[in-house]
Protein backbone atom coordinates (compact mmCIF):
# COMPACT_ATOMS: atom_id res chain seq x y z
CA MET A 1 13.63 1.45 19.52
CA MET A 2 10.81 3.23 17.75
CA PRO A 3 10.13 2.14 14.16
CA SER A 4 11.12 4.70 11.56
CA SER A 5 8.14 3.99 9.30
CA THR A 6 4.61 5.21 9.78
CA VAL A 7 1.95 2.52 9.90
CA VAL A 8 -1.27 3.29 8.05
CA THR A 9 -4.37 1.17 8.00
CA VAL A 10 -6.39 0.85 4.84
CA GLN A 11 -9.85 2.20 5.53
CA ASN A 12 -11.84 -0.42 3.71
CA ASN A 13 -15.60 -0.22 3.43
CA LYS A 14 -16.81 0.31 7.00
CA GLY A 15 -20.28 -0.75 6.04
CA SER A 16 -18.95 -4.16 5.10
CA ASP A 17 -17.61 -7.18 6.92
CA THR A 18 -13.98 -7.02 5.80
CA THR A 19 -10.58 -7.11 7.45
CA PRO A 20 -8.58 -3.96 6.64
CA PRO A 21 -4.87 -4.61 6.15
CA THR A 22 -2.07 -2.67 7.80
CA ILE A 23 0.16 -1.07 5.20
CA CYS A 24 3.39 0.73 6.07
CA GLU A 25 4.48 4.12 4.85
CA SER A 26 6.49 3.08 1.78
CA PRO A 27 5.13 -0.21 0.49
CA SER A 28 5.77 -1.74 -2.90
CA TRP A 29 3.95 -4.36 -4.91
CA SER A 30 5.07 -6.97 -7.39
CA THR A 31 4.68 -5.82 -10.98
CA THR A 32 3.87 -9.39 -12.00
CA GLY A 33 0.33 -10.49 -11.34
CA VAL A 34 -0.85 -13.95 -10.35
CA THR A 35 -4.16 -15.06 -11.84
CA VAL A 36 -6.54 -15.98 -9.02
CA ALA A 37 -9.79 -16.22 -11.01
CA GLY A 38 -10.60 -16.81 -14.66
CA GLY A 39 -7.81 -16.27 -17.15
CA LEU A 40 -8.98 -18.83 -19.65
CA THR A 41 -10.93 -17.96 -22.75
CA SER A 42 -14.09 -15.96 -22.19
CA GLY A 43 -17.02 -18.20 -21.32
CA SER A 44 -19.76 -19.22 -18.93
CA ALA A 45 -18.19 -22.26 -17.24
CA LEU A 46 -17.41 -21.83 -13.54
CA ASN A 47 -13.69 -21.62 -14.30
CA GLN A 48 -14.33 -18.80 -16.77
CA LEU A 49 -15.41 -15.16 -16.67
CA GLN A 50 -16.92 -12.91 -19.31
CA ILE A 51 -15.98 -9.22 -18.91
CA PRO A 52 -15.89 -9.05 -15.11
CA LEU A 53 -16.38 -5.48 -13.90
CA ASP A 54 -16.36 -5.32 -10.11
CA LEU A 55 -15.33 -7.35 -7.08
CA PHE A 56 -15.50 -7.64 -3.32
CA VAL A 57 -12.95 -9.30 -1.01
CA ASP A 58 -14.24 -10.76 2.26
CA LYS A 59 -12.55 -11.50 5.61
CA GLN A 60 -11.29 -14.86 4.40
CA ASP A 61 -9.88 -13.24 1.25
CA ALA A 62 -12.48 -14.96 -0.90
CA ILE A 63 -13.21 -12.91 -4.00
CA TYR A 64 -16.75 -12.17 -5.16
CA ILE A 65 -16.85 -11.16 -8.82
CA ALA A 66 -19.46 -9.26 -10.81
CA ASP A 67 -19.32 -11.40 -13.95
CA SER A 68 -21.17 -8.94 -16.15
CA LEU A 69 -21.94 -10.77 -19.37
CA ASN A 70 -22.71 -14.00 -17.53
CA HIS A 71 -25.22 -12.01 -15.44
CA ARG A 72 -24.03 -13.54 -12.18
CA ILE A 73 -22.00 -13.14 -9.01
CA VAL A 74 -19.41 -15.87 -8.48
CA LYS A 75 -17.20 -16.54 -5.46
CA TRP A 76 -13.62 -17.75 -5.75
CA ASP A 77 -12.05 -19.03 -2.54
CA GLN A 78 -8.29 -18.83 -2.06
CA GLY A 79 -6.56 -21.34 -4.28
CA ALA A 80 -9.76 -22.38 -6.04
CA ARG A 81 -9.62 -23.60 -9.63
CA GLU A 82 -13.16 -22.50 -10.31
CA GLY A 83 -15.76 -20.23 -8.83
CA ARG A 84 -19.05 -21.01 -7.12
CA LEU A 85 -22.28 -19.50 -8.35
CA ILE A 86 -23.69 -17.27 -5.60
CA ILE A 87 -26.56 -15.44 -7.31
CA GLY A 88 -27.82 -14.97 -10.84
CA GLY A 89 -26.61 -17.12 -13.70
CA ALA A 90 -30.14 -17.66 -15.01
CA GLY A 91 -29.56 -15.73 -18.22
CA ALA A 92 -30.25 -12.08 -18.96
CA GLY A 93 -33.65 -10.98 -17.70
CA ASN A 94 -35.62 -8.77 -15.34
CA GLU A 95 -37.12 -11.36 -13.01
CA SER A 96 -36.20 -11.22 -9.32
CA HIS A 97 -33.68 -14.07 -9.74
CA GLN A 98 -32.08 -12.58 -12.86
CA PHE A 99 -29.78 -9.75 -13.90
CA HIS A 100 -29.00 -8.03 -17.16
CA TYR A 101 -25.38 -6.86 -17.25
CA ILE A 102 -23.98 -6.44 -13.73
CA THR A 103 -21.74 -3.40 -13.41
CA ALA A 104 -21.31 -2.95 -9.64
CA MET A 105 -21.60 -4.89 -6.40
CA PHE A 106 -21.18 -4.49 -2.64
CA ILE A 107 -21.55 -6.77 0.39
CA ASP A 108 -22.72 -5.20 3.66
CA LYS A 109 -21.79 -6.18 7.22
CA GLU A 110 -24.75 -8.57 7.41
CA GLY A 111 -23.69 -10.44 4.29
CA SER A 112 -26.37 -9.00 2.00
CA ILE A 113 -25.24 -8.51 -1.59
CA TYR A 114 -26.17 -5.33 -3.48
CA VAL A 115 -26.03 -5.52 -7.26
CA GLY A 116 -26.00 -2.80 -9.89
CA ASP A 117 -28.29 -4.45 -12.44
CA ASN A 118 -27.38 -2.04 -15.18
CA HIS A 119 -29.65 -2.75 -18.14
CA ASN A 120 -32.61 -3.13 -15.77
CA HIS A 121 -31.69 0.23 -14.18
CA ARG A 122 -32.19 -1.08 -10.67
CA ILE A 123 -30.31 -2.01 -7.52
CA GLN A 124 -31.09 -5.48 -6.23
CA LYS A 125 -30.49 -6.54 -2.64
CA TRP A 126 -30.02 -10.22 -1.97
CA LYS A 127 -30.12 -11.11 1.70
CA LYS A 128 -27.77 -13.84 2.82
CA ASP A 129 -28.87 -17.27 1.53
CA SER A 130 -31.79 -15.76 -0.40
CA THR A 131 -32.74 -17.23 -3.78
CA ARG A 132 -34.28 -14.00 -5.09
CA GLY A 133 -33.40 -10.34 -4.98
CA GLU A 134 -35.45 -7.37 -3.84
CA THR A 135 -35.50 -4.19 -5.90
CA ILE A 136 -34.60 -1.47 -3.41
CA ILE A 137 -33.76 1.25 -5.96
CA GLY A 138 -35.13 1.69 -9.47
CA LYS A 139 -38.71 0.54 -9.05
CA PHE A 140 -39.97 3.16 -11.50
CA GLY A 141 -37.90 2.41 -14.57
CA ARG A 142 -35.08 4.28 -16.25
CA GLY A 143 -35.09 8.06 -15.99
CA THR A 144 -33.84 11.27 -14.42
CA GLY A 145 -36.35 11.54 -11.58
CA LEU A 146 -35.12 11.16 -8.03
CA ASN A 147 -37.09 7.94 -7.82
CA GLN A 148 -35.22 6.59 -10.86
CA ILE A 149 -31.66 5.77 -11.87
CA ASP A 150 -29.90 5.53 -15.23
CA ASN A 151 -26.92 3.18 -15.57
CA CYS A 152 -25.42 2.38 -12.16
CA TRP A 153 -21.65 1.98 -12.46
CA GLY A 154 -20.65 2.20 -8.80
CA LEU A 155 -22.07 1.25 -5.39
CA TYR A 156 -21.22 1.90 -1.77
CA VAL A 157 -23.20 0.90 1.33
CA ASP A 158 -22.36 2.50 4.68
CA ARG A 159 -22.76 1.09 8.19
CA GLU A 160 -26.24 2.63 8.45
CA PHE A 161 -27.21 0.79 5.24
CA ASN A 162 -27.46 3.97 3.19
CA VAL A 163 -26.79 3.13 -0.45
CA TYR A 164 -24.74 5.46 -2.67
CA VAL A 165 -25.21 5.01 -6.42
CA SER A 166 -23.00 6.34 -9.21
CA GLU A 167 -25.46 7.08 -12.01
CA HIS A 168 -23.26 7.04 -15.08
CA SER A 169 -25.81 8.48 -17.51
CA ASN A 170 -27.44 10.93 -15.09
CA HIS A 171 -23.99 12.33 -14.18
CA ARG A 172 -24.72 12.26 -10.47
CA VAL A 173 -24.26 10.31 -7.25
CA THR A 174 -27.42 9.68 -5.26
CA LYS A 175 -27.82 8.57 -1.65
CA TRP A 176 -30.73 6.33 -0.70
CA THR A 177 -31.67 5.81 2.94
CA PRO A 178 -33.12 2.40 3.88
CA GLY A 179 -36.65 2.07 2.51
CA ALA A 180 -36.55 5.39 0.65
CA GLU A 181 -38.67 5.82 -2.48
CA GLN A 182 -36.31 8.43 -3.89
CA GLY A 183 -32.68 9.39 -3.60
CA GLN A 184 -30.85 12.57 -2.65
CA ILE A 185 -28.22 14.02 -4.99
CA VAL A 186 -24.90 14.23 -3.13
CA ALA A 187 -22.49 14.91 -6.02
CA HIS A 188 -22.49 15.96 -9.67
CA MET A 189 -19.83 15.02 -12.25
CA TRP A 190 -19.54 13.60 -15.75
CA LYS A 191 -19.93 9.81 -15.95
CA PRO A 192 -19.24 8.74 -12.35
CA VAL A 193 -18.06 5.20 -11.74
CA GLY A 194 -16.23 3.90 -8.64
CA ILE A 195 -17.29 5.46 -5.34
CA TYR A 196 -16.04 5.49 -1.74
CA VAL A 197 -17.48 7.22 1.33
CA ASP A 198 -15.30 8.23 4.27
CA GLU A 199 -17.63 7.43 7.13
CA TYR A 200 -15.57 9.41 9.64
CA ASN A 201 -16.18 12.77 8.00
CA GLY A 202 -18.76 12.06 5.29
CA ASN A 203 -16.48 12.93 2.39
CA ILE A 204 -17.35 11.24 -0.89
CA TYR A 205 -14.74 10.17 -3.44
CA VAL A 206 -15.80 9.38 -7.00
CA ALA A 207 -13.98 8.33 -10.16
CA SER A 208 -15.06 10.46 -13.12
CA TYR A 209 -14.69 8.38 -16.27
CA HIS A 210 -15.23 11.41 -18.50
CA ASP A 211 -13.14 13.98 -16.61
CA ASP A 212 -10.22 11.54 -16.12
CA SER A 213 -9.97 12.26 -12.41
CA ILE A 214 -10.77 11.18 -8.87
CA GLN A 215 -12.96 13.85 -7.26
CA GLN A 216 -13.62 14.57 -3.60
CA PHE A 217 -16.81 16.14 -2.19
CA ASN A 218 -17.90 16.92 1.34
CA GLN A 219 -21.04 15.42 2.83
CA ASN A 220 -23.09 18.36 1.55
CA GLY A 221 -22.01 17.75 -2.04
CA THR A 222 -19.56 20.65 -2.23
CA PHE A 223 -16.59 19.94 -4.48
CA ILE A 224 -13.28 19.91 -2.60
CA ARG A 225 -10.56 18.81 -5.02
CA GLU A 226 -9.58 16.37 -7.74
CA ILE A 227 -6.50 14.46 -8.81
CA GLY A 228 -5.38 12.88 -12.05
CA LYS A 229 -6.65 15.44 -14.54
CA TYR A 230 -4.53 15.16 -17.73
CA LEU A 231 -2.69 12.14 -16.27
CA LEU A 232 -5.38 9.47 -16.25
CA ASP A 233 -7.51 8.03 -19.05
CA SER A 234 -10.96 6.82 -18.03
CA PRO A 235 -10.27 5.90 -14.39
CA TYR A 236 -12.80 3.30 -13.37
CA ASP A 237 -12.26 2.35 -9.74
CA PHE A 238 -9.91 3.09 -6.86
CA VAL A 239 -9.06 2.20 -3.28
CA LEU A 240 -7.72 4.60 -0.65
CA ILE A 241 -4.97 4.35 1.93
CA PRO A 242 -5.70 6.95 4.63
CA ASP A 243 -2.97 8.75 6.48
CA SER A 244 -3.06 8.85 10.27
CA ASP A 245 -4.71 12.28 10.18
CA SER A 246 -7.13 11.23 7.38
CA ASN A 247 -6.31 14.39 5.43
CA ASN A 248 -3.73 13.11 2.97
CA ARG A 249 -4.95 10.09 1.05
CA ALA A 250 -2.89 7.79 -1.11
CA VAL A 251 -5.12 6.44 -3.86
CA MET A 252 -4.62 3.29 -5.93
CA ILE A 253 -6.43 3.80 -9.23
CA ALA A 254 -7.53 1.45 -12.00
CA ASP A 255 -6.51 3.68 -14.93
CA SER A 256 -8.48 1.62 -17.41
CA LYS A 257 -7.67 3.02 -20.85
CA HIS A 258 -3.98 3.29 -19.96
CA HIS A 259 -4.08 -0.40 -18.94
CA ARG A 260 -2.37 0.19 -15.60
CA ILE A 261 -2.72 0.64 -11.85
CA VAL A 262 -1.27 3.88 -10.48
CA LYS A 263 -0.77 5.40 -7.06
CA MET A 264 -1.47 9.08 -6.41
CA SER A 265 -1.86 11.38 -3.42
CA MET A 266 -4.85 13.66 -2.84
CA ASN A 267 -2.36 16.35 -1.81
CA ASN A 268 -0.27 16.01 -4.98
CA PRO A 269 -2.66 15.99 -7.95
CA HIS A 270 0.01 16.12 -10.67
CA LYS A 271 2.27 13.19 -9.75
CA LEU A 272 1.70 9.46 -10.08
CA GLN A 273 3.56 6.20 -9.59
CA ILE A 274 2.91 3.20 -11.83
CA ILE A 275 2.21 0.12 -9.70
CA ALA A 276 1.21 -2.47 -12.30
CA GLY A 277 0.71 -2.70 -16.04
CA VAL A 278 2.48 -0.95 -18.90
CA THR A 279 1.21 2.48 -19.93
CA GLY A 280 -0.72 2.33 -23.18
CA GLU A 281 0.01 -1.36 -23.75
CA GLN A 282 -2.79 -3.84 -23.44
CA GLY A 283 -1.79 -7.46 -23.13
CA ASN A 284 -2.44 -10.75 -21.38
CA GLU A 285 1.02 -11.44 -20.01
CA SER A 286 1.43 -11.47 -16.22
CA ASN A 287 2.92 -7.97 -16.25
CA HIS A 288 0.20 -6.52 -18.50
CA LEU A 289 -3.43 -5.56 -18.10
CA ASN A 290 -6.27 -4.94 -20.53
CA GLU A 291 -8.69 -2.32 -19.20
CA PRO A 292 -8.49 -2.96 -15.45
CA ARG A 293 -11.69 -1.91 -13.72
CA GLY A 294 -12.26 -3.17 -10.18
CA ILE A 295 -9.56 -2.88 -7.51
CA ARG A 296 -9.44 -3.88 -3.84
CA PHE A 297 -6.98 -4.88 -1.13
CA ASP A 298 -7.07 -8.26 0.55
CA SER A 299 -6.34 -8.68 4.26
CA LYS A 300 -2.57 -8.84 3.63
CA GLY A 301 -2.41 -5.68 1.54
CA ASN A 302 -2.14 -7.46 -1.80
CA LEU A 303 -3.80 -5.65 -4.70
CA ILE A 304 -6.64 -7.61 -6.27
CA VAL A 305 -7.46 -6.29 -9.74
CA VAL A 306 -10.27 -7.08 -12.16
CA ASP A 307 -8.50 -7.32 -15.52
CA SER A 308 -11.72 -7.01 -17.45
CA ASN A 309 -10.82 -7.57 -21.08
CA ASN A 310 -8.55 -10.48 -20.16
CA ASN A 311 -11.47 -12.09 -18.32
CA ARG A 312 -9.42 -12.64 -15.19
CA VAL A 313 -8.64 -11.36 -11.71
CA GLN A 314 -4.99 -10.67 -10.87
CA ASN A 315 -3.22 -10.58 -7.50
CA PHE A 316 -0.28 -8.16 -7.26
CA MET A 317 1.41 -9.20 -4.04
CA ILE A 318 2.75 -6.69 -1.57
CA ASN A 319 6.48 -7.31 -1.25
CA ASN A 320 7.76 -4.49 0.94
CA ASN A 321 5.62 -3.97 4.02
CA ASN A 322 8.07 -4.06 6.93
CA CYS A 323 7.01 -1.36 9.38
CA ASP A 324 10.18 -1.74 11.48
CA ILE A 325 12.58 -0.64 8.78
């Protein structure tokens, strides 16, 4: 007997070493989150976070967190009561072992960590087991030149090690080939943040914090479409579930100022489904969020959410994922 549900596979970052989950056609998630990192008062101890902004989930479902005001990347293994310092944590600064307000991160397939070092207006690459980072983007200070960046709020690294940077204050997304001294503009929009690149067709998806939408561009930078206009408030990050034909995309969005996670379709820009959080209500209860920013899937299809102003990371477990129904 053929299953009546369509199986879709989450197209996670192909440039990274992650395990994409299989998610069926009509999944649902718990509306009650489980705290898997932080959740105590804001602080610098290894069991605390201070305004986390981004995350990365590896093959073992360990969570790497951009702990912005602690100027560090910490790793929380499954079930851990505290994180482990991976890089940074040496106070705010511009030395090669320091950061000043981390806003974005990415881990490539070789285990190198890329960091959006926001107040230093640079992208640092830390090779696996390195004790210092290398400035690969932003060697010429803050500015609008193509050899400069201004406030990185989103990062993506593809399988060819091209780096895509959302430049929040330059209102553009730039692409940097390995070793390049300057970037190429691949998209324009107001205050870009989260970014994803479809490596099958080159399409670029970007969250526009100012325009309250998720926008899609082709590989030449031509605008294709947007969703969420007039429905979202300052969307910060998102993760996509591709359909089998890769044309219709379900998008899980961290709708930050509405304090919720919503699901939308690229083919239906005016309809959304609330997945977690309560619209317009910030709170620290398990069914509330306070400006969620980063969002990813783990290998099981659970939603892992950076609940920034609660200084925690929440797991919203998938609870309906039977593809044989």
